Each structure stands twice: as structure tokens, then as C-alpha cells.
Amino acid sequence: MLVPAIICGVACIVIGVPFTYYWFRISDRWADEDQKRFHPKQEPDRTDPEIRVIGRDDRDGDGGGG
């Protein structure tokens, strides 16, 4: 019973590792082709939004929470 389990494990490793390697190689080629076809959009120059920190001294809120 142990021998078939070992054979199955070895077969999964021997077949699975090269299959995964070639699968990722092919998918990388597809991704490169898509990136060449669809260039990333250039974001327009924009200013950073104003960051407002709300602390205990800021009582302009609705006053809820407790």
C-alpha cells in the first residue's frame, strides 16, 4: 500500500513541476502581449488631496458614538 502512494507522489512531482513551469512561462508571454497591446493609462498630473485629521477637539460631527 505504501509503494503506490510513493509512486503517485513521485509522479505528481515529476509531472507537476515541469507543467507548472511551462504554464507560467506561457502565461507570462500572454501577459507581455497584452501589456504591449493595452498600454497602461497615463494618469493626469493631480495635486494631493487635503488630508484632514479629526481628533477629540473637532466637534463639528454629528456627535454620535457614545
PDB file of N, CA and C in Angstrom:
ATOM      1  N   MET A   1       0.818  -1.194   0.000  1.00  0.00           N
ATOM      2  CA  MET A   1       0.000   0.000   0.000  1.00  0.00           C
ATOM      3  C   MET A   1       0.862   1.258   0.000  1.00  0.00           C
ATOM      4  N   LEU A   2       2.044   1.166   0.564  1.00  0.00           N
ATOM      5  CA  LEU A   2       2.930   2.314   0.619  1.00  0.00           C
ATOM      6  C   LEU A   2       3.582   2.579  -0.727  1.00  0.00           C
ATOM      7  N   VAL A   3       3.866   1.537  -1.494  1.00  0.00           N
ATOM      8  CA  VAL A   3       4.546   1.690  -2.783  1.00  0.00           C
ATOM      9  C   VAL A   3       3.688   2.484  -3.769  1.00  0.00           C
ATOM     10  N   PRO A   4       2.381   2.196  -3.924  1.00  0.00           N
ATOM     11  CA  PRO A   4       1.576   3.015  -4.844  1.00  0.00           C
ATOM     12  C   PRO A   4       1.492   4.491  -4.418  1.00  0.00           C
ATOM     13  N   ALA A   5       1.476   4.744  -3.121  1.00  0.00           N
ATOM     14  CA  ALA A   5       1.441   6.123  -2.636  1.00  0.00           C
ATOM     15  C   ALA A   5       2.740   6.840  -2.985  1.00  0.00           C
ATOM     16  N   ILE A   6       3.865   6.158  -2.843  1.00  0.00           N
ATOM     17  CA  ILE A   6       5.158   6.758  -3.194  1.00  0.00           C
ATOM     18  C   ILE A   6       5.228   7.006  -4.694  1.00  0.00           C
ATOM     19  N   ILE A   7       4.781   6.035  -5.486  1.00  0.00           N
ATOM     20  CA  ILE A   7       4.798   6.190  -6.938  1.00  0.00           C
ATOM     21  C   ILE A   7       3.903   7.355  -7.356  1.00  0.00           C
ATOM     22  N   CYS A   8       2.747   7.479  -6.744  1.00  0.00           N
ATOM     23  CA  CYS A   8       1.825   8.576  -7.057  1.00  0.00           C
ATOM     24  C   CYS A   8       2.446   9.922  -6.670  1.00  0.00           C
ATOM     25  N   GLY A   9       3.074   9.988  -5.525  1.00  0.00           N
ATOM     26  CA  GLY A   9       3.728  11.229  -5.100  1.00  0.00           C
ATOM     27  C   GLY A   9       4.854  11.627  -6.020  1.00  0.00           C
ATOM     28  N   VAL A  10       5.676  10.665  -6.394  1.00  0.00           N
ATOM     29  CA  VAL A  10       6.791  10.951  -7.302  1.00  0.00           C
ATOM     30  C   VAL A  10       6.255  11.376  -8.667  1.00  0.00           C
ATOM     31  N   ALA A  11       5.199  10.708  -9.142  1.00  0.00           N
ATOM     32  CA  ALA A  11       4.617  11.067 -10.439  1.00  0.00           C
ATOM     33  C   ALA A  11       4.050  12.481 -10.408  1.00  0.00           C
ATOM     34  N   CYS A  12       3.411  12.849  -9.315  1.00  0.00           N
ATOM     35  CA  CYS A  12       2.885  14.217  -9.200  1.00  0.00           C
ATOM     36  C   CYS A  12       4.002  15.250  -9.238  1.00  0.00           C
ATOM     37  N   ILE A  13       5.099  14.953  -8.581  1.00  0.00           N
ATOM     38  CA  ILE A  13       6.226  15.881  -8.583  1.00  0.00           C
ATOM     39  C   ILE A  13       6.879  15.938  -9.960  1.00  0.00           C
ATOM     40  N   VAL A  14       7.104  14.756 -10.560  1.00  0.00           N
ATOM     41  CA  VAL A  14       7.795  14.705 -11.860  1.00  0.00           C
ATOM     42  C   VAL A  14       6.951  15.348 -12.952  1.00  0.00           C
ATOM     43  N   ILE A  15       5.646  15.162 -12.906  1.00  0.00           N
ATOM     44  CA  ILE A  15       4.779  15.747 -13.935  1.00  0.00           C
ATOM     45  C   ILE A  15       4.366  17.167 -13.554  1.00  0.00           C
ATOM     46  N   GLY A  16       4.112  17.423 -12.303  1.00  0.00           N
ATOM     47  CA  GLY A  16       3.577  18.707 -11.867  1.00  0.00           C
ATOM     48  C   GLY A  16       4.545  19.859 -11.947  1.00  0.00           C
ATOM     49  N   VAL A  17       5.793  19.636 -11.594  1.00  0.00           N
ATOM     50  CA  VAL A  17       6.774  20.727 -11.596  1.00  0.00           C
ATOM     51  C   VAL A  17       7.023  21.254 -13.008  1.00  0.00           C
ATOM     52  N   PRO A  18       7.332  20.405 -13.994  1.00  0.00           N
ATOM     53  CA  PRO A  18       7.512  20.953 -15.346  1.00  0.00           C
ATOM     54  C   PRO A  18       6.233  21.564 -15.913  1.00  0.00           C
ATOM     55  N   PHE A  19       5.078  20.952 -15.626  1.00  0.00           N
ATOM     56  CA  PHE A  19       3.819  21.506 -16.109  1.00  0.00           C
ATOM     57  C   PHE A  19       3.612  22.909 -15.553  1.00  0.00           C
ATOM     58  N   THR A  20       3.840  23.100 -14.268  1.00  0.00           N
ATOM     59  CA  THR A  20       3.686  24.421 -13.651  1.00  0.00           C
ATOM     60  C   THR A  20       4.673  25.415 -14.236  1.00  0.00           C
ATOM     61  N   TYR A  21       5.905  24.990 -14.452  1.00  0.00           N
ATOM     62  CA  TYR A  21       6.931  25.857 -15.023  1.00  0.00           C
ATOM     63  C   TYR A  21       6.507  26.342 -16.409  1.00  0.00           C
ATOM     64  N   TYR A  22       6.100  25.417 -17.266  1.00  0.00           N
ATOM     65  CA  TYR A  22       5.705  25.810 -18.613  1.00  0.00           C
ATOM     66  C   TYR A  22       4.406  26.599 -18.611  1.00  0.00           C
ATOM     67  N   TRP A  23       3.508  26.297 -17.695  1.00  0.00           N
ATOM     68  CA  TRP A  23       2.271  27.057 -17.589  1.00  0.00           C
ATOM     69  C   TRP A  23       2.578  28.527 -17.277  1.00  0.00           C
ATOM     70  N   PHE A  24       3.473  28.781 -16.348  1.00  0.00           N
ATOM     71  CA  PHE A  24       3.818  30.155 -16.001  1.00  0.00           C
ATOM     72  C   PHE A  24       4.583  30.847 -17.128  1.00  0.00           C
ATOM     73  N   ARG A  25       5.424  30.107 -17.846  1.00  0.00           N
ATOM     74  CA  ARG A  25       6.120  30.702 -18.984  1.00  0.00           C
ATOM     75  C   ARG A  25       5.137  31.148 -20.053  1.00  0.00           C
ATOM     76  N   ILE A  26       4.151  30.316 -20.366  1.00  0.00           N
ATOM     77  CA  ILE A  26       3.155  30.655 -21.381  1.00  0.00           C
ATOM     78  C   ILE A  26       2.298  31.822 -20.903  1.00  0.00           C
ATOM     79  N   SER A  27       1.892  31.807 -19.644  1.00  0.00           N
ATOM     80  CA  SER A  27       1.057  32.903 -19.152  1.00  0.00           C
ATOM     81  C   SER A  27       1.836  34.216 -19.101  1.00  0.00           C
ATOM     82  N   ASP A  28       3.139  34.173 -18.839  1.00  0.00           N
ATOM     83  CA  ASP A  28       3.945  35.386 -18.882  1.00  0.00           C
ATOM     84  C   ASP A  28       4.002  35.949 -20.293  1.00  0.00           C
ATOM     85  N   ARG A  29       4.103  35.074 -21.294  1.00  0.00           N
ATOM     86  CA  ARG A  29       4.082  35.541 -22.681  1.00  0.00           C
ATOM     87  C   ARG A  29       2.763  36.212 -23.011  1.00  0.00           C
ATOM     88  N   TRP A  30       1.663  35.601 -22.566  1.00  0.00           N
ATOM     89  CA  TRP A  30       0.350  36.207 -22.808  1.00  0.00           C
ATOM     90  C   TRP A  30       0.239  37.564 -22.121  1.00  0.00           C
ATOM     91  N   ALA A  31       0.738  37.659 -20.902  1.00  0.00           N
ATOM     92  CA  ALA A  31       0.671  38.926 -20.169  1.00  0.00           C
ATOM     93  C   ALA A  31       1.517  39.993 -20.854  1.00  0.00           C
ATOM     94  N   ASP A  32       2.690  39.628 -21.350  1.00  0.00           N
ATOM     95  CA  ASP A  32       3.528  40.593 -22.059  1.00  0.00           C
ATOM     96  C   ASP A  32       2.848  41.087 -23.331  1.00  0.00           C
ATOM     97  N   GLU A  33       2.203  40.180 -24.068  1.00  0.00           N
ATOM     98  CA  GLU A  33       1.495  40.579 -25.281  1.00  0.00           C
ATOM     99  C   GLU A  33       0.333  41.519 -24.951  1.00  0.00           C
ATOM    100  N   ASP A  34      -0.387  41.221 -23.889  1.00  0.00           N
ATOM    101  CA  ASP A  34      -1.495  42.094 -23.502  1.00  0.00           C
ATOM    102  C   ASP A  34      -0.993  43.461 -23.058  1.00  0.00           C
ATOM    103  N   GLN A  35       0.127  43.479 -22.362  1.00  0.00           N
ATOM    104  CA  GLN A  35       0.650  44.764 -21.912  1.00  0.00           C
ATOM    105  C   GLN A  35       1.134  45.597 -23.093  1.00  0.00           C
ATOM    106  N   LYS A  36       1.683  44.947 -24.109  1.00  0.00           N
ATOM    107  CA  LYS A  36       2.078  45.685 -25.305  1.00  0.00           C
ATOM    108  C   LYS A  36       0.856  46.208 -26.046  1.00  0.00           C
ATOM    109  N   ARG A  37      -0.212  45.407 -26.058  1.00  0.00           N
ATOM    110  CA  ARG A  37      -1.412  45.803 -26.781  1.00  0.00           C
ATOM    111  C   ARG A  37      -2.171  46.905 -26.045  1.00  0.00           C
ATOM    112  N   PHE A  38      -2.321  46.765 -24.734  1.00  0.00           N
ATOM    113  CA  PHE A  38      -3.053  47.739 -23.932  1.00  0.00           C
ATOM    114  C   PHE A  38      -2.057  48.446 -23.027  1.00  0.00           C
ATOM    115  N   HIS A  39      -1.577  49.582 -23.469  1.00  0.00           N
ATOM    116  CA  HIS A  39      -0.602  50.327 -22.675  1.00  0.00           C
ATOM    117  C   HIS A  39      -1.267  50.844 -21.409  1.00  0.00           C
ATOM    118  N   PRO A  40      -0.524  50.922 -20.322  1.00  0.00           N
ATOM    119  CA  PRO A  40      -1.120  51.473 -19.103  1.00  0.00           C
ATOM    120  C   PRO A  40      -1.491  52.933 -19.321  1.00  0.00           C
ATOM    121  N   LYS A  41      -2.637  53.321 -18.805  1.00  0.00           N
ATOM    122  CA  LYS A  41      -3.108  54.692 -18.983  1.00  0.00           C
ATOM    123  C   LYS A  41      -2.247  55.641 -18.162  1.00  0.00           C
ATOM    124  N   GLN A  42      -1.936  56.765 -18.758  1.00  0.00           N
ATOM    125  CA  GLN A  42      -1.174  57.786 -18.054  1.00  0.00           C
ATOM    126  C   GLN A  42      -2.129  58.587 -17.185  1.00  0.00           C
ATOM    127  N   GLU A  43      -1.837  58.667 -15.917  1.00  0.00           N
ATOM    128  CA  GLU A  43      -2.679  59.438 -15.023  1.00  0.00           C
ATOM    129  C   GLU A  43      -2.328  60.912 -15.167  1.00  0.00           C
ATOM    130  N   PRO A  44      -3.330  61.763 -15.216  1.00  0.00           N
ATOM    131  CA  PRO A  44      -3.035  63.191 -15.318  1.00  0.00           C
ATOM    132  C   PRO A  44      -2.374  63.695 -14.043  1.00  0.00           C
ATOM    133  N   ASP A  45      -1.591  64.748 -14.188  1.00  0.00           N
ATOM    134  CA  ASP A  45      -0.960  65.328 -13.005  1.00  0.00           C
ATOM    135  C   ASP A  45      -2.047  65.893 -12.102  1.00  0.00           C
ATOM    136  N   ARG A  46      -2.032  65.471 -10.887  1.00  0.00           N
ATOM    137  CA  ARG A  46      -3.037  65.963  -9.948  1.00  0.00           C
ATOM    138  C   ARG A  46      -2.365  66.297  -8.635  1.00  0.00           C
ATOM    139  N   THR A  47      -2.981  67.198  -7.934  1.00  0.00           N
ATOM    140  CA  THR A  47      -2.429  67.586  -6.639  1.00  0.00           C
ATOM    141  C   THR A  47      -2.902  66.596  -5.592  1.00  0.00           C
ATOM    142  N   ASP A  48      -2.156  66.485  -4.541  1.00  0.00           N
ATOM    143  CA  ASP A  48      -2.545  65.588  -3.462  1.00  0.00           C
ATOM    144  C   ASP A  48      -3.764  66.159  -2.757  1.00  0.00           C
ATOM    145  N   PRO A  49      -4.709  65.308  -2.399  1.00  0.00           N
ATOM    146  CA  PRO A  49      -5.895  65.814  -1.698  1.00  0.00           C
ATOM    147  C   PRO A  49      -5.526  66.313  -0.300  1.00  0.00           C
ATOM    148  N   GLU A  50      -6.323  67.240   0.169  1.00  0.00           N
ATOM    149  CA  GLU A  50      -6.088  67.766   1.507  1.00  0.00           C
ATOM    150  C   GLU A  50      -6.470  66.694   2.524  1.00  0.00           C
ATOM    151  N   ILE A  51      -5.594  66.446   3.475  1.00  0.00           N
ATOM    152  CA  ILE A  51      -5.831  65.443   4.496  1.00  0.00           C
ATOM    153  C   ILE A  51      -6.296  66.149   5.756  1.00  0.00           C
ATOM    154  N   ARG A  52      -7.440  65.741   6.259  1.00  0.00           N
ATOM    155  CA  ARG A  52      -7.994  66.350   7.461  1.00  0.00           C
ATOM    156  C   ARG A  52      -8.036  65.301   8.552  1.00  0.00           C
ATOM    157  N   VAL A  53      -7.402  65.583   9.651  1.00  0.00           N
ATOM    158  CA  VAL A  53      -7.371  64.663  10.787  1.00  0.00           C
ATOM    159  C   VAL A  53      -8.425  65.115  11.778  1.00  0.00           C
ATOM    160  N   ILE A  54      -9.319  64.215  12.115  1.00  0.00           N
ATOM    161  CA  ILE A  54     -10.382  64.546  13.055  1.00  0.00           C
ATOM    162  C   ILE A  54      -9.996  63.990  14.415  1.00  0.00           C
ATOM    163  N   GLY A  55      -9.883  64.868  15.371  1.00  0.00           N
ATOM    164  CA  GLY A  55      -9.498  64.461  16.714  1.00  0.00           C
ATOM    165  C   GLY A  55     -10.598  64.767  17.712  1.00  0.00           C
ATOM    166  N   ARG A  56     -10.269  64.720  18.981  1.00  0.00           N
ATOM    167  CA  ARG A  56     -11.258  64.978  20.028  1.00  0.00           C
ATOM    168  C   ARG A  56     -11.691  66.434  20.053  1.00  0.00           C
ATOM    169  N   ASP A  57     -10.827  67.351  19.647  1.00  0.00           N
ATOM    170  CA  ASP A  57     -11.163  68.767  19.698  1.00  0.00           C
ATOM    171  C   ASP A  57     -12.096  69.183  18.568  1.00  0.00           C
ATOM    172  N   ASP A  58     -12.257  68.354  17.567  1.00  0.00           N
ATOM    173  CA  ASP A  58     -13.094  68.698  16.422  1.00  0.00           C
ATOM    174  C   ASP A  58     -14.512  68.193  16.707  1.00  0.00           C
ATOM    175  N   ARG A  59     -15.416  69.101  17.074  1.00  0.00           N
ATOM    176  CA  ARG A  59     -16.780  68.731  17.466  1.00  0.00           C
ATOM    177  C   ARG A  59     -17.792  69.074  16.383  1.00  0.00           C
ATOM    178  N   ASP A  60     -17.366  69.181  15.127  1.00  0.00           N
ATOM    179  CA  ASP A  60     -18.290  69.553  14.064  1.00  0.00           C
ATOM    180  C   ASP A  60     -19.099  68.362  13.565  1.00  0.00           C
ATOM    181  N   GLY A  61     -18.846  67.188  14.031  1.00  0.00           N
ATOM    182  CA  GLY A  61     -19.528  65.997  13.554  1.00  0.00           C
ATOM    183  C   GLY A  61     -20.940  65.890  14.091  1.00  0.00           C
ATOM    184  N   ASP A  62     -21.543  64.755  13.935  1.00  0.00           N
ATOM    185  CA  ASP A  62     -22.922  64.570  14.365  1.00  0.00           C
ATOM    186  C   ASP A  62     -23.042  64.288  15.862  1.00  0.00           C
ATOM    187  N   GLY A  63     -21.943  64.043  16.512  1.00  0.00           N
ATOM    188  CA  GLY A  63     -21.966  63.844  17.945  1.00  0.00           C
ATOM    189  C   GLY A  63     -22.351  62.442  18.373  1.00  0.00           C
ATOM    190  N   GLY A  64     -22.514  61.560  17.422  1.00  0.00           N
ATOM    191  CA  GLY A  64     -22.906  60.206  17.759  1.00  0.00           C
ATOM    192  C   GLY A  64     -21.741  59.388  18.264  1.00  0.00           C
ATOM    193  N   GLY A  65     -22.015  58.194  18.649  1.00  0.00           N
ATOM    194  CA  GLY A  65     -20.950  57.289  19.049  1.00  0.00           C
ATOM    195  C   GLY A  65     -20.777  57.144  20.538  1.00  0.00           C
ATOM    196  N   GLY A  66     -21.565  57.826  21.289  1.00  0.00           N
ATOM    197  CA  GLY A  66     -21.448  57.433  22.611  1.00  0.00           C
ATOM    198  C   GLY A  66     -21.377  58.285  23.739  1.00  0.00           C
TER     199      GLY A  66
END
